[in-house]
N, C-alpha and C. Protein backbone atom coordinates (compact mmCIF):
# COMPACT_ATOMS: atom_id res chain seq x y z
N MET A 1 -9.44 -6.46 202.70
CA MET A 1 -8.32 -7.31 202.37
C MET A 1 -6.99 -6.59 202.61
N GLU A 2 -6.93 -5.32 202.25
CA GLU A 2 -5.71 -4.55 202.46
C GLU A 2 -5.41 -4.40 203.95
N TYR A 3 -6.44 -4.28 204.76
CA TYR A 3 -6.26 -4.18 206.20
C TYR A 3 -5.59 -5.45 206.73
N PHE A 4 -6.06 -6.60 206.27
CA PHE A 4 -5.49 -7.87 206.69
C PHE A 4 -4.03 -7.97 206.25
N ARG A 5 -3.74 -7.58 205.02
CA ARG A 5 -2.38 -7.65 204.48
C ARG A 5 -1.43 -6.75 205.27
N SER A 6 -1.87 -5.53 205.58
CA SER A 6 -1.00 -4.62 206.33
C SER A 6 -0.79 -5.12 207.76
N GLY A 7 -1.81 -5.72 208.35
CA GLY A 7 -1.66 -6.29 209.68
C GLY A 7 -0.70 -7.46 209.69
N LEU A 8 -0.78 -8.28 208.66
CA LEU A 8 0.12 -9.42 208.55
C LEU A 8 1.56 -8.96 208.35
N LYS A 9 1.76 -7.93 207.56
CA LYS A 9 3.11 -7.41 207.34
C LYS A 9 3.68 -6.82 208.63
N SER A 10 2.84 -6.16 209.42
CA SER A 10 3.35 -5.58 210.66
C SER A 10 3.69 -6.67 211.67
N VAL A 11 2.94 -7.76 211.67
CA VAL A 11 3.23 -8.86 212.57
C VAL A 11 4.51 -9.58 212.15
N LEU A 12 4.69 -9.77 210.85
CA LEU A 12 5.87 -10.47 210.35
C LEU A 12 7.11 -9.60 210.32
N GLY A 13 6.95 -8.31 210.47
CA GLY A 13 8.10 -7.42 210.52
C GLY A 13 8.59 -6.97 209.17
N ALA A 14 7.71 -6.84 208.21
CA ALA A 14 8.12 -6.35 206.89
C ALA A 14 8.47 -4.88 206.99
N PRO A 15 9.47 -4.45 206.24
CA PRO A 15 9.85 -3.03 206.30
C PRO A 15 8.78 -2.16 205.67
N PRO A 16 8.72 -0.90 206.05
CA PRO A 16 7.76 0.01 205.43
C PRO A 16 8.02 0.08 203.93
N PRO A 17 6.98 0.34 203.14
CA PRO A 17 7.12 0.27 201.69
C PRO A 17 8.09 1.27 201.08
N GLY A 18 8.38 2.37 201.72
CA GLY A 18 9.24 3.39 201.14
C GLY A 18 10.72 3.18 201.39
N THR A 19 11.10 2.22 202.23
CA THR A 19 12.51 2.05 202.57
C THR A 19 13.16 0.99 201.68
N GLN A 20 14.40 1.26 201.31
CA GLN A 20 15.20 0.31 200.53
C GLN A 20 16.22 -0.33 201.46
N PRO A 21 16.48 -1.62 201.30
CA PRO A 21 17.50 -2.25 202.14
C PRO A 21 18.89 -1.70 201.80
N THR A 22 19.73 -1.63 202.80
CA THR A 22 21.09 -1.14 202.58
C THR A 22 21.91 -2.20 201.85
N GLY A 23 23.07 -1.81 201.39
CA GLY A 23 23.94 -2.76 200.71
C GLY A 23 24.36 -3.90 201.61
N ALA A 24 24.64 -3.59 202.87
CA ALA A 24 25.04 -4.63 203.82
C ALA A 24 23.91 -5.62 204.07
N GLU A 25 22.68 -5.12 204.15
CA GLU A 25 21.53 -6.02 204.34
C GLU A 25 21.32 -6.91 203.14
N THR A 26 21.49 -6.36 201.95
CA THR A 26 21.34 -7.14 200.74
C THR A 26 22.42 -8.22 200.66
N VAL A 27 23.64 -7.86 200.98
CA VAL A 27 24.73 -8.83 200.97
C VAL A 27 24.47 -9.92 202.00
N GLU A 28 23.98 -9.53 203.17
CA GLU A 28 23.68 -10.51 204.22
C GLU A 28 22.62 -11.50 203.76
N ARG A 29 21.58 -11.02 203.10
CA ARG A 29 20.53 -11.91 202.60
C ARG A 29 21.05 -12.85 201.53
N LEU A 30 21.90 -12.33 200.65
CA LEU A 30 22.45 -13.18 199.59
C LEU A 30 23.40 -14.24 200.16
N VAL A 31 24.21 -13.87 201.14
CA VAL A 31 25.10 -14.84 201.78
C VAL A 31 24.27 -15.91 202.48
N ASN A 32 23.21 -15.50 203.12
CA ASN A 32 22.31 -16.46 203.76
C ASN A 32 21.69 -17.38 202.72
N ARG A 33 21.33 -16.82 201.59
CA ARG A 33 20.73 -17.62 200.51
C ARG A 33 21.74 -18.63 199.96
N VAL A 34 22.99 -18.24 199.82
CA VAL A 34 24.01 -19.17 199.35
C VAL A 34 24.19 -20.30 200.36
N SER A 35 24.20 -19.97 201.63
CA SER A 35 24.49 -20.99 202.65
C SER A 35 23.32 -21.93 202.90
N THR A 36 22.09 -21.49 202.67
CA THR A 36 20.94 -22.33 202.99
C THR A 36 20.28 -22.97 201.78
N SER A 37 20.65 -22.58 200.59
CA SER A 37 20.00 -23.12 199.40
C SER A 37 20.43 -24.56 199.17
N THR A 38 19.46 -25.39 198.82
CA THR A 38 19.77 -26.77 198.49
C THR A 38 19.91 -26.97 196.99
N LEU A 39 19.32 -26.09 196.21
CA LEU A 39 19.40 -26.20 194.75
C LEU A 39 20.62 -25.46 194.23
N LEU A 40 21.31 -26.07 193.30
CA LEU A 40 22.49 -25.47 192.71
C LEU A 40 22.15 -24.16 192.00
N GLU A 41 21.00 -24.11 191.34
CA GLU A 41 20.60 -22.90 190.61
C GLU A 41 20.43 -21.72 191.56
N ASP A 42 19.88 -21.97 192.74
CA ASP A 42 19.70 -20.90 193.71
C ASP A 42 21.05 -20.38 194.21
N ARG A 43 21.96 -21.30 194.51
CA ARG A 43 23.30 -20.88 194.94
C ARG A 43 24.01 -20.12 193.83
N ARG A 44 23.83 -20.58 192.60
CA ARG A 44 24.47 -19.93 191.46
C ARG A 44 23.93 -18.51 191.28
N ASP A 45 22.61 -18.34 191.39
CA ASP A 45 22.02 -17.01 191.26
C ASP A 45 22.49 -16.07 192.37
N ALA A 46 22.57 -16.58 193.59
CA ALA A 46 23.03 -15.75 194.70
C ALA A 46 24.50 -15.38 194.53
N CYS A 47 25.32 -16.31 194.04
CA CYS A 47 26.73 -16.00 193.79
C CYS A 47 26.87 -14.98 192.68
N ARG A 48 26.03 -15.08 191.67
CA ARG A 48 26.05 -14.10 190.57
C ARG A 48 25.72 -12.70 191.11
N ALA A 49 24.71 -12.63 191.98
CA ALA A 49 24.32 -11.34 192.56
C ALA A 49 25.42 -10.80 193.48
N LEU A 50 26.06 -11.67 194.25
CA LEU A 50 27.15 -11.23 195.11
C LEU A 50 28.33 -10.71 194.29
N LYS A 51 28.60 -11.36 193.17
CA LYS A 51 29.68 -10.88 192.31
C LYS A 51 29.37 -9.49 191.78
N ALA A 52 28.12 -9.27 191.40
CA ALA A 52 27.73 -7.95 190.90
C ALA A 52 27.82 -6.90 192.01
N LEU A 53 27.43 -7.26 193.22
CA LEU A 53 27.48 -6.31 194.34
C LEU A 53 28.90 -6.08 194.84
N SER A 54 29.80 -7.01 194.57
CA SER A 54 31.15 -6.89 195.12
C SER A 54 31.92 -5.71 194.55
N LYS A 55 31.50 -5.21 193.42
CA LYS A 55 32.17 -4.03 192.86
C LYS A 55 31.90 -2.78 193.69
N LYS A 56 30.67 -2.69 194.19
CA LYS A 56 30.28 -1.51 194.96
C LYS A 56 30.45 -1.73 196.47
N TYR A 57 30.17 -2.93 196.93
CA TYR A 57 30.21 -3.25 198.36
C TYR A 57 31.29 -4.30 198.63
N ARG A 58 32.51 -3.99 198.25
CA ARG A 58 33.62 -4.93 198.34
C ARG A 58 33.87 -5.40 199.78
N LEU A 59 33.88 -4.48 200.72
CA LEU A 59 34.16 -4.82 202.11
C LEU A 59 33.07 -5.72 202.69
N GLU A 60 31.81 -5.39 202.42
CA GLU A 60 30.70 -6.18 202.95
C GLU A 60 30.71 -7.60 202.40
N VAL A 61 30.92 -7.73 201.10
CA VAL A 61 30.94 -9.07 200.49
C VAL A 61 32.12 -9.86 201.04
N GLY A 62 33.26 -9.23 201.17
CA GLY A 62 34.43 -9.94 201.69
C GLY A 62 34.27 -10.35 203.14
N ALA A 63 33.75 -9.45 203.96
CA ALA A 63 33.62 -9.73 205.39
C ALA A 63 32.54 -10.76 205.67
N GLN A 64 31.41 -10.64 205.00
CA GLN A 64 30.29 -11.53 205.30
C GLN A 64 30.30 -12.82 204.49
N GLY A 65 30.88 -12.79 203.31
CA GLY A 65 30.71 -13.92 202.42
C GLY A 65 31.92 -14.79 202.18
N MET A 66 33.09 -14.42 202.69
CA MET A 66 34.29 -15.16 202.34
C MET A 66 34.23 -16.62 202.77
N ASP A 67 33.78 -16.89 203.99
CA ASP A 67 33.71 -18.28 204.46
C ASP A 67 32.74 -19.11 203.62
N ILE A 68 31.58 -18.54 203.34
CA ILE A 68 30.57 -19.26 202.56
C ILE A 68 31.06 -19.48 201.13
N LEU A 69 31.70 -18.48 200.56
CA LEU A 69 32.17 -18.61 199.18
C LEU A 69 33.28 -19.65 199.06
N THR A 70 34.13 -19.77 200.07
CA THR A 70 35.14 -20.83 200.03
C THR A 70 34.50 -22.21 200.15
N GLN A 71 33.41 -22.31 200.93
CA GLN A 71 32.67 -23.57 201.01
C GLN A 71 32.05 -23.92 199.66
N VAL A 72 31.54 -22.92 198.96
CA VAL A 72 30.97 -23.16 197.63
C VAL A 72 32.05 -23.68 196.70
N LEU A 73 33.25 -23.10 196.77
CA LEU A 73 34.35 -23.58 195.93
C LEU A 73 34.69 -25.04 196.22
N GLU A 74 34.62 -25.42 197.49
CA GLU A 74 34.93 -26.80 197.86
C GLU A 74 33.81 -27.76 197.45
N LEU A 75 32.56 -27.37 197.70
CA LEU A 75 31.44 -28.28 197.47
C LEU A 75 31.01 -28.36 196.01
N ASP A 76 31.05 -27.24 195.31
CA ASP A 76 30.52 -27.18 193.94
C ASP A 76 31.64 -26.99 192.92
N ARG A 77 32.80 -27.54 193.19
CA ARG A 77 33.93 -27.32 192.29
C ARG A 77 33.74 -27.94 190.91
N SER A 78 32.81 -28.88 190.78
CA SER A 78 32.57 -29.50 189.47
C SER A 78 31.72 -28.62 188.55
N ASP A 79 31.05 -27.61 189.11
CA ASP A 79 30.23 -26.70 188.31
C ASP A 79 31.06 -25.48 187.91
N CYS A 80 31.43 -25.44 186.64
CA CYS A 80 32.32 -24.37 186.16
C CYS A 80 31.68 -22.99 186.28
N GLU A 81 30.37 -22.91 186.11
CA GLU A 81 29.70 -21.61 186.13
C GLU A 81 29.74 -20.97 187.52
N ILE A 82 29.41 -21.75 188.54
CA ILE A 82 29.40 -21.18 189.90
C ILE A 82 30.83 -20.87 190.36
N VAL A 83 31.80 -21.67 189.93
CA VAL A 83 33.19 -21.39 190.28
C VAL A 83 33.63 -20.07 189.66
N GLY A 84 33.15 -19.78 188.47
CA GLY A 84 33.47 -18.51 187.83
C GLY A 84 32.89 -17.32 188.57
N TYR A 85 31.72 -17.49 189.17
CA TYR A 85 31.11 -16.39 189.92
C TYR A 85 31.81 -16.17 191.25
N VAL A 86 32.23 -17.26 191.87
CA VAL A 86 32.88 -17.15 193.18
C VAL A 86 34.27 -16.60 192.98
């Protein structure tokens, strides 16, 4: 079973188990999650994570996420919680 799992991971392109994603990669995934999520809770969670990362990775969050975050402000302006995160 482990052989099948490792083969599947290599085909799908999963990173080796010892490597951690960089801050820019994490920000990119969260921005993608904000832009593609259909559920408000998912967008809210991704915005919360981006806000937490923005303290350490300010440039990455600003460069990659500014357009998406302004869209969130326009589309979800009735939700006070997500507006607070953005």
